[in-house]
Amino acid sequence: MTQRDKAIYLDLDPKTLRNWRKNKPNLYKIIMLGFAFEEAVKKSKENYEELERLKKEMEQ
């Protein structure tokens, strides 16, 4: 997800997000950690589903 995509997702102007990066680094960091967490959960779910699929294949 690009910075622009993140801003749109948050219903912000992309300039606002850039300004937060400069002027409110802690707020920006928290927001980016939230996006990273969401991505990590998504990847974990995909990995789990792939492992389940492989397990079923091996059982057949």
C-alpha atoms as a PDB file:
ATOM      1  CA  MET A   1       0.000   0.000   0.000  1.00  0.00           C
ATOM      2  CA  THR A   2       1.453   3.356  -0.999  1.00  0.00           C
ATOM      3  CA  GLN A   3       1.483   6.444   1.210  1.00  0.00           C
ATOM      4  CA  ARG A   4      -1.296   7.838  -0.967  1.00  0.00           C
ATOM      5  CA  ASP A   5      -3.351   4.654  -0.514  1.00  0.00           C
ATOM      6  CA  LYS A   6      -2.857   4.868   3.247  1.00  0.00           C
ATOM      7  CA  ALA A   7      -3.972   8.498   3.291  1.00  0.00           C
ATOM      8  CA  ILE A   8      -7.075   7.662   1.269  1.00  0.00           C
ATOM      9  CA  TYR A   9      -7.817   4.705   3.558  1.00  0.00           C
ATOM     10  CA  LEU A  10      -7.608   7.081   6.548  1.00  0.00           C
ATOM     11  CA  ASP A  11      -9.767   9.642   4.713  1.00  0.00           C
ATOM     12  CA  LEU A  12      -6.911  12.155   4.754  1.00  0.00           C
ATOM     13  CA  ASP A  13      -5.247  14.320   2.184  1.00  0.00           C
ATOM     14  CA  PRO A  14      -1.858  12.768   1.366  1.00  0.00           C
ATOM     15  CA  LYS A  15      -0.254  16.102   2.343  1.00  0.00           C
ATOM     16  CA  THR A  16      -1.624  15.665   5.859  1.00  0.00           C
ATOM     17  CA  LEU A  17       0.120  12.327   6.220  1.00  0.00           C
ATOM     18  CA  ARG A  18       3.376  13.820   4.924  1.00  0.00           C
ATOM     19  CA  ASN A  19       3.050  16.718   7.376  1.00  0.00           C
ATOM     20  CA  TRP A  20       2.477  14.296  10.253  1.00  0.00           C
ATOM     21  CA  ARG A  21       5.623  12.451   9.230  1.00  0.00           C
ATOM     22  CA  LYS A  22       7.573  15.698   9.589  1.00  0.00           C
ATOM     23  CA  ASN A  23       5.775  17.465  12.408  1.00  0.00           C
ATOM     24  CA  LYS A  24       4.213  14.651  14.448  1.00  0.00           C
ATOM     25  CA  PRO A  25       6.636  11.733  14.104  1.00  0.00           C
ATOM     26  CA  ASN A  26       5.154   9.745  17.014  1.00  0.00           C
ATOM     27  CA  LEU A  27       1.648   9.905  15.546  1.00  0.00           C
ATOM     28  CA  TYR A  28       2.997   8.955  12.130  1.00  0.00           C
ATOM     29  CA  LYS A  29       4.927   6.040  13.640  1.00  0.00           C
ATOM     30  CA  ILE A  30       1.814   4.733  15.416  1.00  0.00           C
ATOM     31  CA  ILE A  31      -0.187   4.896  12.197  1.00  0.00           C
ATOM     32  CA  MET A  32       2.514   3.094  10.208  1.00  0.00           C
ATOM     33  CA  LEU A  33       2.818   0.423  12.914  1.00  0.00           C
ATOM     34  CA  GLY A  34      -0.936  -0.103  12.641  1.00  0.00           C
ATOM     35  CA  PHE A  35      -0.625  -0.686   8.893  1.00  0.00           C
ATOM     36  CA  ALA A  36       2.351  -3.008   9.436  1.00  0.00           C
ATOM     37  CA  PHE A  37       0.402  -4.974  12.050  1.00  0.00           C
ATOM     38  CA  GLU A  38      -2.547  -5.356   9.693  1.00  0.00           C
ATOM     39  CA  GLU A  39      -0.233  -6.605   6.939  1.00  0.00           C
ATOM     40  CA  ALA A  40       1.481  -9.074   9.296  1.00  0.00           C
ATOM     41  CA  VAL A  41      -1.888 -10.502  10.364  1.00  0.00           C
ATOM     42  CA  LYS A  42      -2.931 -10.852   6.723  1.00  0.00           C
ATOM     43  CA  LYS A  43       0.310 -12.668   5.836  1.00  0.00           C
ATOM     44  CA  SER A  44      -0.004 -14.945   8.873  1.00  0.00           C
ATOM     45  CA  LYS A  45      -3.515 -15.907   7.834  1.00  0.00           C
ATOM     46  CA  GLU A  46      -2.362 -16.642   4.288  1.00  0.00           C
ATOM     47  CA  ASN A  47       0.530 -18.766   5.611  1.00  0.00           C
ATOM     48  CA  TYR A  48      -1.808 -20.677   7.912  1.00  0.00           C
ATOM     49  CA  GLU A  49      -4.221 -21.359   5.072  1.00  0.00           C
ATOM     50  CA  GLU A  50      -1.365 -22.577   2.870  1.00  0.00           C
ATOM     51  CA  LEU A  51      -0.150 -24.911   5.620  1.00  0.00           C
ATOM     52  CA  GLU A  52      -3.664 -26.283   6.070  1.00  0.00           C
ATOM     53  CA  ARG A  53      -3.889 -26.904   2.333  1.00  0.00           C
ATOM     54  CA  LEU A  54      -0.547 -28.731   2.354  1.00  0.00           C
ATOM     55  CA  LYS A  55      -1.609 -30.785   5.373  1.00  0.00           C
ATOM     56  CA  LYS A  56      -4.767 -31.921   3.572  1.00  0.00           C
ATOM     57  CA  GLU A  57      -2.742 -32.856   0.490  1.00  0.00           C
ATOM     58  CA  MET A  58      -0.349 -34.943   2.565  1.00  0.00           C
ATOM     59  CA  GLU A  59      -3.223 -36.758   4.296  1.00  0.00           C
ATOM     60  CA  GLN A  60      -4.691 -37.927   0.983  1.00  0.00           C
END
